[in-house]
């Protein structure tokens, strides 16, 4: 394997979500959609946000402990399969989705909520697909066993 091999991720995942939130906001404004306000949405948004932040911190801590990168465009040096990685192959991306949903709920934004599936589709088909192709090259049979055992999302 070439030392130059790495995932060819073109758009940082946080920017994809921020872009989706911004476009959702623009849709709300352009279509004059009023915020949805239900008594339970802010507490649920807070729980989702805390879960997302906790999941990011847990996964990042494991990556640091194993001395591998958190940056999706850099080559991972270790295949982590414990902690949140035993439940999902993409705990940080799942956390970003929770944070996106939390923002949409906190703002009562239908546009932001409608853009979440679009962002997840782009993440799944482009970012994650590229990372997984790299992991297949980098970790071989160990990756294949992990991939068969643990789902991509949840």
N, C-alpha and C. Protein backbone atom coordinates (compact mmCIF):
# COMPACT_ATOMS: atom_id res chain seq x y z
N UNK A 1 0.84 -1.19 0.00
CA UNK A 1 0.00 0.00 0.00
C UNK A 1 0.89 1.25 0.00
N UNK A 2 0.47 2.22 -0.75
CA UNK A 2 1.21 3.47 -0.84
C UNK A 2 1.10 4.26 0.46
N UNK A 3 2.16 4.95 0.83
CA UNK A 3 2.10 5.80 2.02
C UNK A 3 1.21 7.01 1.77
N UNK A 4 0.88 7.27 0.50
CA UNK A 4 0.02 8.39 0.15
C UNK A 4 -1.45 8.00 0.18
N UNK A 5 -1.78 6.75 0.46
CA UNK A 5 -3.16 6.28 0.47
C UNK A 5 -3.91 6.88 1.65
N UNK A 6 -5.06 7.41 1.38
CA UNK A 6 -5.92 7.99 2.41
C UNK A 6 -7.32 8.13 1.82
N UNK A 7 -8.32 8.31 2.67
CA UNK A 7 -9.68 8.52 2.13
C UNK A 7 -9.73 9.85 1.38
N UNK A 8 -10.38 9.85 0.25
CA UNK A 8 -10.50 11.06 -0.55
C UNK A 8 -11.83 11.75 -0.24
N UNK A 9 -11.93 12.25 0.97
CA UNK A 9 -13.12 12.96 1.43
C UNK A 9 -12.96 14.42 1.01
N UNK A 10 -13.90 14.87 0.19
CA UNK A 10 -13.79 16.22 -0.37
C UNK A 10 -14.43 17.30 0.48
N UNK A 11 -15.43 16.94 1.26
CA UNK A 11 -16.14 17.93 2.06
C UNK A 11 -16.14 17.49 3.51
N UNK A 12 -15.62 18.30 4.41
CA UNK A 12 -15.63 17.92 5.83
C UNK A 12 -17.07 17.70 6.33
N UNK A 13 -17.33 16.57 6.96
CA UNK A 13 -18.69 16.26 7.43
C UNK A 13 -19.35 17.36 8.27
N UNK A 14 -18.63 18.04 9.18
CA UNK A 14 -19.33 19.11 9.91
C UNK A 14 -19.85 20.20 8.98
N UNK A 15 -19.09 20.49 7.91
CA UNK A 15 -19.54 21.52 6.97
C UNK A 15 -20.75 21.07 6.17
N UNK A 16 -20.86 19.78 5.90
CA UNK A 16 -22.06 19.28 5.23
C UNK A 16 -23.29 19.54 6.09
N UNK A 17 -23.18 19.26 7.37
CA UNK A 17 -24.32 19.49 8.27
C UNK A 17 -24.59 20.98 8.43
N UNK A 18 -23.56 21.78 8.59
CA UNK A 18 -23.77 23.22 8.71
C UNK A 18 -24.41 23.77 7.43
N UNK A 19 -23.97 23.29 6.29
CA UNK A 19 -24.57 23.69 5.03
C UNK A 19 -26.04 23.30 4.95
N UNK A 20 -26.35 22.08 5.40
CA UNK A 20 -27.74 21.64 5.42
C UNK A 20 -28.59 22.48 6.34
N UNK A 21 -28.05 22.84 7.50
CA UNK A 21 -28.79 23.70 8.43
C UNK A 21 -29.01 25.08 7.81
N UNK A 22 -27.99 25.62 7.17
CA UNK A 22 -28.11 26.94 6.55
C UNK A 22 -29.13 26.92 5.41
N UNK A 23 -29.04 25.93 4.54
CA UNK A 23 -29.99 25.83 3.42
C UNK A 23 -31.41 25.63 3.96
N UNK A 24 -31.55 24.83 5.02
CA UNK A 24 -32.86 24.66 5.64
C UNK A 24 -33.41 25.97 6.16
N UNK A 25 -32.55 26.76 6.77
CA UNK A 25 -32.97 28.08 7.25
C UNK A 25 -33.42 28.97 6.08
N UNK A 26 -32.65 28.95 5.00
CA UNK A 26 -32.99 29.74 3.82
C UNK A 26 -34.35 29.29 3.26
N UNK A 27 -34.58 27.99 3.23
CA UNK A 27 -35.88 27.48 2.76
C UNK A 27 -37.00 28.00 3.65
N UNK A 28 -36.80 27.92 4.97
CA UNK A 28 -37.81 28.45 5.91
C UNK A 28 -38.13 29.90 5.58
N UNK A 29 -37.09 30.71 5.37
CA UNK A 29 -37.28 32.14 5.11
C UNK A 29 -37.94 32.38 3.75
N UNK A 30 -37.46 31.66 2.73
CA UNK A 30 -37.97 31.86 1.37
C UNK A 30 -39.44 31.47 1.26
N UNK A 31 -39.83 30.42 1.96
CA UNK A 31 -41.21 29.94 1.89
C UNK A 31 -42.08 30.49 3.01
N UNK A 32 -41.49 31.36 3.83
CA UNK A 32 -42.21 31.99 4.95
C UNK A 32 -42.80 30.95 5.91
N UNK A 33 -42.05 29.88 6.13
CA UNK A 33 -42.50 28.86 7.07
C UNK A 33 -42.28 29.36 8.48
N UNK A 34 -43.29 29.29 9.27
CA UNK A 34 -43.22 29.70 10.66
C UNK A 34 -42.62 28.57 11.49
N UNK A 35 -41.87 28.89 12.54
CA UNK A 35 -41.32 27.85 13.40
C UNK A 35 -42.42 27.01 14.03
N UNK A 36 -42.16 25.73 14.10
CA UNK A 36 -43.08 24.81 14.79
C UNK A 36 -42.73 24.89 16.27
N UNK A 37 -43.72 25.14 17.10
CA UNK A 37 -43.45 25.25 18.54
C UNK A 37 -44.36 24.30 19.30
N UNK A 38 -43.76 23.28 19.84
CA UNK A 38 -44.45 22.30 20.68
C UNK A 38 -43.77 22.31 22.04
N UNK A 39 -44.52 22.08 23.09
CA UNK A 39 -43.98 22.19 24.44
C UNK A 39 -42.81 21.25 24.71
N UNK A 40 -42.72 20.14 24.03
CA UNK A 40 -41.71 19.14 24.32
C UNK A 40 -40.45 19.24 23.45
N UNK A 41 -40.48 20.07 22.40
CA UNK A 41 -39.38 20.00 21.43
C UNK A 41 -38.05 20.52 21.97
N UNK A 42 -38.04 21.53 22.78
CA UNK A 42 -36.75 22.04 23.30
C UNK A 42 -36.10 21.05 24.28
N UNK A 43 -36.86 20.45 25.21
CA UNK A 43 -36.21 19.44 26.07
C UNK A 43 -35.69 18.24 25.27
N UNK A 44 -36.45 17.82 24.27
CA UNK A 44 -35.98 16.70 23.43
C UNK A 44 -34.74 17.13 22.65
N UNK A 45 -34.74 18.36 22.13
CA UNK A 45 -33.56 18.87 21.41
C UNK A 45 -32.34 18.90 22.33
N UNK A 46 -32.54 19.29 23.58
CA UNK A 46 -31.42 19.33 24.53
C UNK A 46 -30.87 17.92 24.78
N UNK A 47 -31.74 16.95 24.93
CA UNK A 47 -31.30 15.56 25.15
C UNK A 47 -30.53 15.06 23.92
N UNK A 48 -31.06 15.34 22.72
CA UNK A 48 -30.38 14.91 21.50
C UNK A 48 -29.01 15.58 21.38
N UNK A 49 -28.93 16.86 21.70
CA UNK A 49 -27.66 17.59 21.63
C UNK A 49 -26.65 17.02 22.62
N UNK A 50 -27.09 16.77 23.84
CA UNK A 50 -26.19 16.19 24.84
C UNK A 50 -25.72 14.80 24.43
N UNK A 51 -26.63 14.00 23.87
CA UNK A 51 -26.24 12.67 23.40
C UNK A 51 -25.22 12.78 22.26
N UNK A 52 -25.45 13.71 21.35
CA UNK A 52 -24.51 13.91 20.24
C UNK A 52 -23.14 14.34 20.72
N UNK A 53 -23.12 15.31 21.62
CA UNK A 53 -21.84 15.79 22.16
C UNK A 53 -21.12 14.68 22.91
N UNK A 54 -21.87 13.94 23.72
CA UNK A 54 -21.27 12.83 24.46
C UNK A 54 -20.69 11.77 23.55
N UNK A 55 -21.41 11.45 22.48
CA UNK A 55 -20.95 10.44 21.53
C UNK A 55 -19.67 10.90 20.81
N UNK A 56 -19.62 12.18 20.43
CA UNK A 56 -18.41 12.72 19.80
C UNK A 56 -17.23 12.64 20.76
N UNK A 57 -17.44 13.05 22.00
CA UNK A 57 -16.34 13.03 22.97
C UNK A 57 -15.86 11.61 23.24
N UNK A 58 -16.78 10.67 23.38
CA UNK A 58 -16.43 9.27 23.64
C UNK A 58 -15.60 8.72 22.48
N UNK A 59 -16.08 8.92 21.26
CA UNK A 59 -15.37 8.41 20.08
C UNK A 59 -14.01 9.10 19.91
N UNK A 60 -13.98 10.41 20.11
CA UNK A 60 -12.72 11.15 19.96
C UNK A 60 -11.70 10.71 21.01
N UNK A 61 -12.17 10.46 22.21
CA UNK A 61 -11.27 10.00 23.27
C UNK A 61 -10.65 8.65 22.91
N UNK A 62 -11.46 7.75 22.37
CA UNK A 62 -10.92 6.45 21.94
C UNK A 62 -9.91 6.62 20.80
N UNK A 63 -10.21 7.51 19.88
CA UNK A 63 -9.27 7.75 18.78
C UNK A 63 -7.95 8.30 19.30
N UNK A 64 -8.04 9.20 20.24
CA UNK A 64 -6.81 9.77 20.82
C UNK A 64 -6.04 8.69 21.57
N UNK A 65 -6.75 7.89 22.34
CA UNK A 65 -6.10 6.82 23.10
C UNK A 65 -5.38 5.83 22.18
N UNK A 66 -5.95 5.59 21.00
CA UNK A 66 -5.34 4.67 20.04
C UNK A 66 -4.41 5.38 19.05
N UNK A 67 -4.21 6.68 19.27
CA UNK A 67 -3.31 7.48 18.45
C UNK A 67 -3.61 7.38 16.96
N UNK A 68 -4.87 7.52 16.64
CA UNK A 68 -5.28 7.56 15.24
C UNK A 68 -6.02 8.87 15.00
N UNK A 69 -6.17 9.24 13.76
CA UNK A 69 -6.72 10.54 13.43
C UNK A 69 -8.25 10.58 13.52
N UNK A 70 -8.75 11.73 13.85
CA UNK A 70 -10.19 11.98 13.84
C UNK A 70 -10.60 12.62 12.51
N UNK A 71 -9.63 13.08 11.74
CA UNK A 71 -9.89 13.78 10.48
C UNK A 71 -10.20 12.77 9.37
N UNK A 72 -11.35 12.92 8.70
CA UNK A 72 -11.76 11.91 7.72
C UNK A 72 -10.92 11.86 6.45
N UNK A 73 -10.14 12.87 6.16
CA UNK A 73 -9.31 12.87 4.96
C UNK A 73 -7.89 12.38 5.22
N UNK A 74 -7.63 11.96 6.44
CA UNK A 74 -6.31 11.42 6.79
C UNK A 74 -6.42 9.90 7.00
N UNK A 75 -5.31 9.22 6.86
CA UNK A 75 -5.28 7.77 6.97
C UNK A 75 -5.36 7.33 8.43
N UNK A 76 -6.37 6.53 8.75
CA UNK A 76 -6.47 5.94 10.08
C UNK A 76 -5.34 4.92 10.24
N UNK A 77 -4.78 4.86 11.44
CA UNK A 77 -3.69 3.91 11.68
C UNK A 77 -4.14 2.71 12.51
N UNK A 78 -5.31 2.82 13.12
CA UNK A 78 -5.83 1.76 13.98
C UNK A 78 -7.31 1.57 13.70
N UNK A 79 -7.74 0.33 13.65
CA UNK A 79 -9.15 0.02 13.51
C UNK A 79 -9.73 -0.13 14.92
N UNK A 80 -10.57 0.81 15.31
CA UNK A 80 -11.17 0.79 16.65
C UNK A 80 -12.52 0.08 16.55
N UNK A 81 -12.72 -0.92 17.40
CA UNK A 81 -13.96 -1.71 17.33
C UNK A 81 -14.68 -1.79 18.67
N UNK A 82 -14.22 -1.05 19.68
CA UNK A 82 -14.88 -1.08 20.98
C UNK A 82 -15.58 0.24 21.25
N UNK A 83 -16.21 0.31 22.41
CA UNK A 83 -16.93 1.52 22.78
C UNK A 83 -18.07 1.77 21.81
N UNK A 84 -18.25 3.02 21.37
CA UNK A 84 -19.35 3.30 20.45
C UNK A 84 -19.16 2.62 19.10
N UNK A 85 -17.91 2.27 18.76
CA UNK A 85 -17.62 1.60 17.50
C UNK A 85 -18.10 0.15 17.50
N UNK A 86 -18.48 -0.38 18.64
CA UNK A 86 -19.07 -1.72 18.69
C UNK A 86 -20.55 -1.68 18.32
N UNK A 87 -21.15 -0.47 18.32
CA UNK A 87 -22.57 -0.31 18.02
C UNK A 87 -22.81 0.28 16.63
N UNK A 88 -21.90 1.11 16.16
CA UNK A 88 -22.00 1.76 14.87
C UNK A 88 -20.61 2.01 14.32
N UNK A 89 -20.45 1.84 13.01
CA UNK A 89 -19.13 2.10 12.41
C UNK A 89 -18.85 3.60 12.32
N UNK A 90 -19.86 4.42 12.54
CA UNK A 90 -19.71 5.87 12.37
C UNK A 90 -20.33 6.64 13.52
N UNK A 91 -19.82 6.47 14.74
CA UNK A 91 -20.45 7.15 15.87
C UNK A 91 -20.39 8.68 15.78
N UNK A 92 -19.33 9.22 15.22
CA UNK A 92 -19.23 10.68 15.12
C UNK A 92 -20.23 11.21 14.10
N UNK A 93 -20.41 10.51 13.00
CA UNK A 93 -21.39 10.95 12.00
C UNK A 93 -22.81 10.79 12.53
N UNK A 94 -23.04 9.76 13.31
CA UNK A 94 -24.34 9.61 13.98
C UNK A 94 -24.56 10.77 14.94
N UNK A 95 -23.51 11.16 15.66
CA UNK A 95 -23.60 12.29 16.58
C UNK A 95 -23.89 13.59 15.83
N UNK A 96 -23.27 13.79 14.67
CA UNK A 96 -23.56 14.98 13.86
C UNK A 96 -25.04 15.00 13.45
N UNK A 97 -25.57 13.83 13.11
CA UNK A 97 -26.99 13.75 12.73
C UNK A 97 -27.87 14.11 13.92
N UNK A 98 -27.51 13.64 15.12
CA UNK A 98 -28.27 14.00 16.32
C UNK A 98 -28.21 15.50 16.57
N UNK A 99 -27.04 16.10 16.38
CA UNK A 99 -26.90 17.54 16.58
C UNK A 99 -27.69 18.33 15.53
N UNK A 100 -27.68 17.85 14.30
CA UNK A 100 -28.46 18.50 13.24
C UNK A 100 -29.94 18.47 13.60
N UNK A 101 -30.43 17.30 14.01
CA UNK A 101 -31.83 17.17 14.40
C UNK A 101 -32.14 18.04 15.62
N UNK A 102 -31.22 18.10 16.56
CA UNK A 102 -31.41 18.93 17.75
C UNK A 102 -31.53 20.40 17.37
N UNK A 103 -30.69 20.86 16.44
CA UNK A 103 -30.78 22.26 15.98
C UNK A 103 -32.11 22.52 15.30
N UNK A 104 -32.54 21.61 14.43
CA UNK A 104 -33.81 21.78 13.74
C UNK A 104 -34.96 21.85 14.74
N UNK A 105 -34.93 20.98 15.74
CA UNK A 105 -35.99 20.97 16.75
C UNK A 105 -35.95 22.23 17.60
N UNK A 106 -34.78 22.63 18.03
CA UNK A 106 -34.66 23.81 18.89
C UNK A 106 -35.15 25.07 18.17
N UNK A 107 -34.93 25.11 16.86
CA UNK A 107 -35.37 26.26 16.07
C UNK A 107 -36.80 26.11 15.56
N UNK A 108 -37.35 24.91 15.71
CA UNK A 108 -38.67 24.65 15.16
C UNK A 108 -38.68 24.75 13.64
N UNK A 109 -37.55 24.37 13.03
CA UNK A 109 -37.34 24.58 11.59
C UNK A 109 -37.67 23.34 10.77
N UNK A 110 -38.73 23.45 10.00
CA UNK A 110 -39.09 22.37 9.08
C UNK A 110 -38.05 22.24 7.97
N UNK A 111 -37.54 23.36 7.48
CA UNK A 111 -36.52 23.33 6.42
C UNK A 111 -35.26 22.60 6.86
N UNK A 112 -34.78 22.90 8.07
CA UNK A 112 -33.59 22.21 8.59
C UNK A 112 -33.84 20.72 8.75
N UNK A 113 -35.04 20.36 9.23
CA UNK A 113 -35.38 18.95 9.41
C UNK A 113 -35.45 18.24 8.06
N UNK A 114 -36.02 18.90 7.05
CA UNK A 114 -36.14 18.29 5.73
C UNK A 114 -34.79 18.10 5.05
N UNK A 115 -33.81 18.92 5.39
CA UNK A 115 -32.49 18.79 4.78
C UNK A 115 -31.66 17.68 5.43
N UNK A 116 -32.02 17.22 6.62
CA UNK A 116 -31.24 16.17 7.28
C UNK A 116 -31.13 14.91 6.43
N UNK A 117 -32.22 14.36 5.86
CA UNK A 117 -32.05 13.17 5.02
C UNK A 117 -31.16 13.41 3.80
N UNK A 118 -31.19 14.60 3.25
CA UNK A 118 -30.32 14.92 2.11
C UNK A 118 -28.86 14.88 2.54
N UNK A 119 -28.56 15.50 3.67
CA UNK A 119 -27.20 15.50 4.19
C UNK A 119 -26.76 14.07 4.50
N UNK A 120 -27.63 13.28 5.11
CA UNK A 120 -27.28 11.90 5.44
C UNK A 120 -27.03 11.07 4.18
N UNK A 121 -27.79 11.33 3.14
CA UNK A 121 -27.58 10.62 1.88
C UNK A 121 -26.19 10.95 1.32
N UNK A 122 -25.84 12.22 1.30
CA UNK A 122 -24.52 12.63 0.79
C UNK A 122 -23.42 12.02 1.66
N UNK A 123 -23.61 12.07 2.97
CA UNK A 123 -22.62 11.48 3.89
C UNK A 123 -22.45 9.98 3.59
N UNK A 124 -23.57 9.29 3.47
CA UNK A 124 -23.55 7.84 3.29
C UNK A 124 -22.90 7.44 1.97
N UNK A 125 -23.30 8.10 0.90
CA UNK A 125 -22.86 7.71 -0.44
C UNK A 125 -21.48 8.23 -0.83
N UNK A 126 -21.06 9.31 -0.21
CA UNK A 126 -19.79 9.91 -0.63
C UNK A 126 -18.72 9.84 0.47
N UNK A 127 -19.00 10.42 1.61
CA UNK A 127 -17.99 10.47 2.68
C UNK A 127 -17.74 9.06 3.24
N UNK A 128 -18.78 8.42 3.72
CA UNK A 128 -18.62 7.12 4.36
C UNK A 128 -18.16 6.07 3.35
N UNK A 129 -18.72 6.09 2.16
CA UNK A 129 -18.31 5.11 1.14
C UNK A 129 -16.82 5.23 0.85
N UNK A 130 -16.31 6.46 0.77
CA UNK A 130 -14.88 6.66 0.51
C UNK A 130 -14.04 6.19 1.70
N UNK A 131 -14.48 6.53 2.90
CA UNK A 131 -13.74 6.09 4.09
C UNK A 131 -13.71 4.57 4.17
N UNK A 132 -14.85 3.94 3.91
CA UNK A 132 -14.91 2.48 4.02
C UNK A 132 -14.07 1.79 2.96
N UNK A 133 -14.01 2.35 1.76
CA UNK A 133 -13.13 1.79 0.73
C UNK A 133 -11.68 1.86 1.20
N UNK A 134 -11.30 2.98 1.79
CA UNK A 134 -9.95 3.12 2.34
C UNK A 134 -9.71 2.10 3.45
N UNK A 135 -10.66 1.98 4.37
CA UNK A 135 -10.48 1.03 5.48
C UNK A 135 -10.34 -0.40 4.98
N UNK A 136 -11.04 -0.72 3.90
CA UNK A 136 -10.87 -2.05 3.30
C UNK A 136 -9.44 -2.25 2.81
N UNK A 137 -8.88 -1.22 2.20
CA UNK A 137 -7.48 -1.31 1.73
C UNK A 137 -6.51 -1.33 2.90
N UNK A 138 -6.78 -0.52 3.91
CA UNK A 138 -5.86 -0.34 5.04
C UNK A 138 -5.85 -1.55 5.99
N UNK A 139 -7.04 -2.09 6.28
CA UNK A 139 -7.14 -3.09 7.34
C UNK A 139 -7.55 -4.48 6.85
N UNK A 140 -7.84 -4.63 5.57
CA UNK A 140 -8.09 -5.94 4.96
C UNK A 140 -9.15 -6.77 5.66
N UNK A 141 -8.78 -8.00 6.02
CA UNK A 141 -9.72 -8.96 6.59
C UNK A 141 -10.31 -8.48 7.92
N UNK A 142 -9.51 -7.79 8.72
CA UNK A 142 -10.02 -7.28 10.01
C UNK A 142 -11.17 -6.31 9.76
N UNK A 143 -11.02 -5.44 8.74
CA UNK A 143 -12.09 -4.51 8.39
C UNK A 143 -13.33 -5.26 7.91
N UNK A 144 -13.13 -6.24 7.07
CA UNK A 144 -14.26 -7.00 6.52
C UNK A 144 -15.04 -7.70 7.63
N UNK A 145 -14.34 -8.27 8.59
CA UNK A 145 -15.03 -8.92 9.73
C UNK A 145 -15.80 -7.89 10.55
N UNK A 146 -15.18 -6.77 10.79
CA UNK A 146 -15.84 -5.69 11.55
C UNK A 146 -17.05 -5.18 10.78
N UNK A 147 -16.90 -4.96 9.48
CA UNK A 147 -17.98 -4.45 8.65
C UNK A 147 -19.18 -5.39 8.64
N UNK A 148 -18.92 -6.67 8.65
CA UNK A 148 -20.02 -7.63 8.67
C UNK A 148 -20.70 -7.72 10.04
N UNK A 149 -19.98 -7.40 11.09
CA UNK A 149 -20.48 -7.51 12.46
C UNK A 149 -21.23 -6.25 12.93
N UNK A 150 -20.78 -5.08 12.48
CA UNK A 150 -21.32 -3.82 12.98
C UNK A 150 -21.94 -3.02 11.83
N UNK A 151 -23.13 -2.51 12.07
CA UNK A 151 -23.85 -1.74 11.05
C UNK A 151 -23.19 -0.38 10.80
N UNK A 152 -23.45 0.15 9.61
CA UNK A 152 -22.88 1.45 9.22
C UNK A 152 -23.40 2.57 10.12
N UNK A 153 -24.68 2.60 10.39
CA UNK A 153 -25.28 3.66 11.21
C UNK A 153 -25.65 3.10 12.57
N UNK A 154 -26.79 2.49 12.69
CA UNK A 154 -27.19 1.84 13.97
C UNK A 154 -28.02 0.61 13.68
